[in-house]
Amino acid sequence: MSEATIVNDARVMAKGQVTIPKNIRNILGITTGDRVTFVVEDGNVRVVNSAIYALQRFQAQMKGEGKAAGLMNDDDVAAWITASRREEDAE
């Protein structure tokens, strides 16, 4: 399912500051104190929630690593976590 295109504009202030409109903040899940990331591609700028963007980049970098480690499903991951905790407790 693709997201609807939302168009909204804001005025750039003297120091280069822009207020992100409330409806856009709500869509991005941004609240006071959160960080945003500006992604520039082909002359366009996307403003994204920094936490979500970082997680997406991490997931892309880790793609295929679970399979390479033999973690094929949730049960495999749970078993790995249990074994790791037992090793830590034994130390």
C-alpha atoms as a PDB file:
ATOM      1  CA  MET A   1       0.000   0.000   0.000  1.00  0.00           C
ATOM      2  CA  SER A   2       1.496   3.358  -0.968  1.00  0.00           C
ATOM      3  CA  GLU A   3       1.194   6.430   1.192  1.00  0.00           C
ATOM      4  CA  ALA A   4      -0.874   9.376   0.050  1.00  0.00           C
ATOM      5  CA  THR A   5       1.060  12.428  -1.035  1.00  0.00           C
ATOM      6  CA  ILE A   6       0.680  15.226   1.486  1.00  0.00           C
ATOM      7  CA  VAL A   7       1.508  18.744   0.339  1.00  0.00           C
ATOM      8  CA  ASN A   8       1.962  21.500   2.875  1.00  0.00           C
ATOM      9  CA  ASP A   9       4.138  24.571   2.874  1.00  0.00           C
ATOM     10  CA  ALA A  10       5.890  26.591   5.530  1.00  0.00           C
ATOM     11  CA  ARG A  11       7.766  29.877   5.598  1.00  0.00           C
ATOM     12  CA  VAL A  12      11.544  29.884   6.047  1.00  0.00           C
ATOM     13  CA  MET A  13      12.476  32.321   8.805  1.00  0.00           C
ATOM     14  CA  ALA A  14      15.565  34.570   8.962  1.00  0.00           C
ATOM     15  CA  LYS A  15      17.754  31.903  10.615  1.00  0.00           C
ATOM     16  CA  GLY A  16      16.673  29.235   8.134  1.00  0.00           C
ATOM     17  CA  GLN A  17      14.192  27.723  10.562  1.00  0.00           C
ATOM     18  CA  VAL A  18      10.957  26.123   9.402  1.00  0.00           C
ATOM     19  CA  THR A  19       8.080  24.964  11.569  1.00  0.00           C
ATOM     20  CA  ILE A  20       6.934  21.498  10.547  1.00  0.00           C
ATOM     21  CA  PRO A  21       3.134  21.688  10.285  1.00  0.00           C
ATOM     22  CA  LYS A  22       1.227  19.735  12.955  1.00  0.00           C
ATOM     23  CA  ASN A  23      -0.402  17.307  10.519  1.00  0.00           C
ATOM     24  CA  ILE A  24       3.019  16.431   9.080  1.00  0.00           C
ATOM     25  CA  ARG A  25       4.507  15.958  12.594  1.00  0.00           C
ATOM     26  CA  ASN A  26       1.619  13.639  13.422  1.00  0.00           C
ATOM     27  CA  ILE A  27       2.131  11.576  10.267  1.00  0.00           C
ATOM     28  CA  LEU A  28       5.875  11.266  10.965  1.00  0.00           C
ATOM     29  CA  GLY A  29       5.376  10.520  14.655  1.00  0.00           C
ATOM     30  CA  ILE A  30       7.489  13.522  15.655  1.00  0.00           C
ATOM     31  CA  THR A  31       7.003  15.234  19.003  1.00  0.00           C
ATOM     32  CA  THR A  32       8.838  17.967  20.896  1.00  0.00           C
ATOM     33  CA  GLY A  33      12.509  17.116  21.319  1.00  0.00           C
ATOM     34  CA  ASP A  34      12.575  14.460  18.591  1.00  0.00           C
ATOM     35  CA  ARG A  35      15.126  14.659  15.805  1.00  0.00           C
ATOM     36  CA  VAL A  36      14.476  14.726  12.067  1.00  0.00           C
ATOM     37  CA  THR A  37      16.763  13.739   9.219  1.00  0.00           C
ATOM     38  CA  PHE A  38      16.920  15.603   5.919  1.00  0.00           C
ATOM     39  CA  VAL A  39      17.481  13.239   3.009  1.00  0.00           C
ATOM     40  CA  VAL A  40      18.482  14.955  -0.245  1.00  0.00           C
ATOM     41  CA  GLU A  41      18.064  12.927  -3.444  1.00  0.00           C
ATOM     42  CA  ASP A  42      17.939  14.229  -7.007  1.00  0.00           C
ATOM     43  CA  GLY A  43      17.266  17.800  -5.916  1.00  0.00           C
ATOM     44  CA  ASN A  44      14.434  16.808  -3.583  1.00  0.00           C
ATOM     45  CA  VAL A  45      14.435  16.838   0.202  1.00  0.00           C
ATOM     46  CA  ARG A  46      12.597  14.373   2.423  1.00  0.00           C
ATOM     47  CA  VAL A  47      12.132  15.089   6.115  1.00  0.00           C
ATOM     48  CA  VAL A  48      11.969  11.861   8.088  1.00  0.00           C
ATOM     49  CA  ASN A  49      11.806  10.812  11.719  1.00  0.00           C
ATOM     50  CA  SER A  50      15.478  10.186  12.606  1.00  0.00           C
ATOM     51  CA  ALA A  51      14.775   7.168  14.830  1.00  0.00           C
ATOM     52  CA  ILE A  52      12.732   5.426  12.142  1.00  0.00           C
ATOM     53  CA  TYR A  53      15.256   6.316   9.433  1.00  0.00           C
ATOM     54  CA  ALA A  54      18.138   4.912  11.503  1.00  0.00           C
ATOM     55  CA  LEU A  55      16.220   1.678  12.104  1.00  0.00           C
ATOM     56  CA  GLN A  56      15.419   1.318   8.383  1.00  0.00           C
ATOM     57  CA  ARG A  57      19.085   1.827   7.455  1.00  0.00           C
ATOM     58  CA  PHE A  58      20.166  -0.711  10.072  1.00  0.00           C
ATOM     59  CA  GLN A  59      17.638  -3.247   8.788  1.00  0.00           C
ATOM     60  CA  ALA A  60      18.874  -2.753   5.221  1.00  0.00           C
ATOM     61  CA  GLN A  61      22.490  -3.243   6.310  1.00  0.00           C
ATOM     62  CA  MET A  62      21.615  -6.395   8.266  1.00  0.00           C
ATOM     63  CA  LYS A  63      19.484  -7.952   5.532  1.00  0.00           C
ATOM     64  CA  GLY A  64      20.440 -11.593   5.125  1.00  0.00           C
ATOM     65  CA  GLU A  65      22.659 -11.703   8.239  1.00  0.00           C
ATOM     66  CA  GLY A  66      20.128 -13.678  10.288  1.00  0.00           C
ATOM     67  CA  LYS A  67      19.869 -16.327   7.615  1.00  0.00           C
ATOM     68  CA  ALA A  68      23.667 -16.493   7.341  1.00  0.00           C
ATOM     69  CA  ALA A  69      23.796 -17.075  11.121  1.00  0.00           C
ATOM     70  CA  GLY A  70      21.203 -19.851  10.890  1.00  0.00           C
ATOM     71  CA  LEU A  71      18.385 -17.796  12.403  1.00  0.00           C
ATOM     72  CA  MET A  72      15.515 -18.738  10.134  1.00  0.00           C
ATOM     73  CA  ASN A  73      12.495 -17.951  12.332  1.00  0.00           C
ATOM     74  CA  ASP A  74      11.378 -16.533  15.684  1.00  0.00           C
ATOM     75  CA  ASP A  75      12.028 -19.851  17.450  1.00  0.00           C
ATOM     76  CA  ASP A  76      15.652 -19.830  16.260  1.00  0.00           C
ATOM     77  CA  VAL A  77      16.100 -16.271  17.540  1.00  0.00           C
ATOM     78  CA  ALA A  78      14.523 -17.144  20.911  1.00  0.00           C
ATOM     79  CA  ALA A  79      16.792 -20.189  21.252  1.00  0.00           C
ATOM     80  CA  TRP A  80      19.854 -18.067  20.423  1.00  0.00           C
ATOM     81  CA  ILE A  81      18.863 -15.466  23.038  1.00  0.00           C
ATOM     82  CA  THR A  82      18.321 -18.161  25.674  1.00  0.00           C
ATOM     83  CA  ALA A  83      21.697 -19.771  24.926  1.00  0.00           C
ATOM     84  CA  SER A  84      23.451 -16.380  25.012  1.00  0.00           C
ATOM     85  CA  ARG A  85      21.930 -15.530  28.388  1.00  0.00           C
ATOM     86  CA  ARG A  86      22.980 -18.904  29.804  1.00  0.00           C
ATOM     87  CA  GLU A  87      26.543 -18.298  28.601  1.00  0.00           C
ATOM     88  CA  GLU A  88      26.553 -14.857  30.277  1.00  0.00           C
ATOM     89  CA  ASP A  89      25.196 -16.316  33.531  1.00  0.00           C
ATOM     90  CA  ALA A  90      27.907 -19.011  33.480  1.00  0.00           C
ATOM     91  CA  GLU A  91      30.680 -16.394  33.338  1.00  0.00           C
END
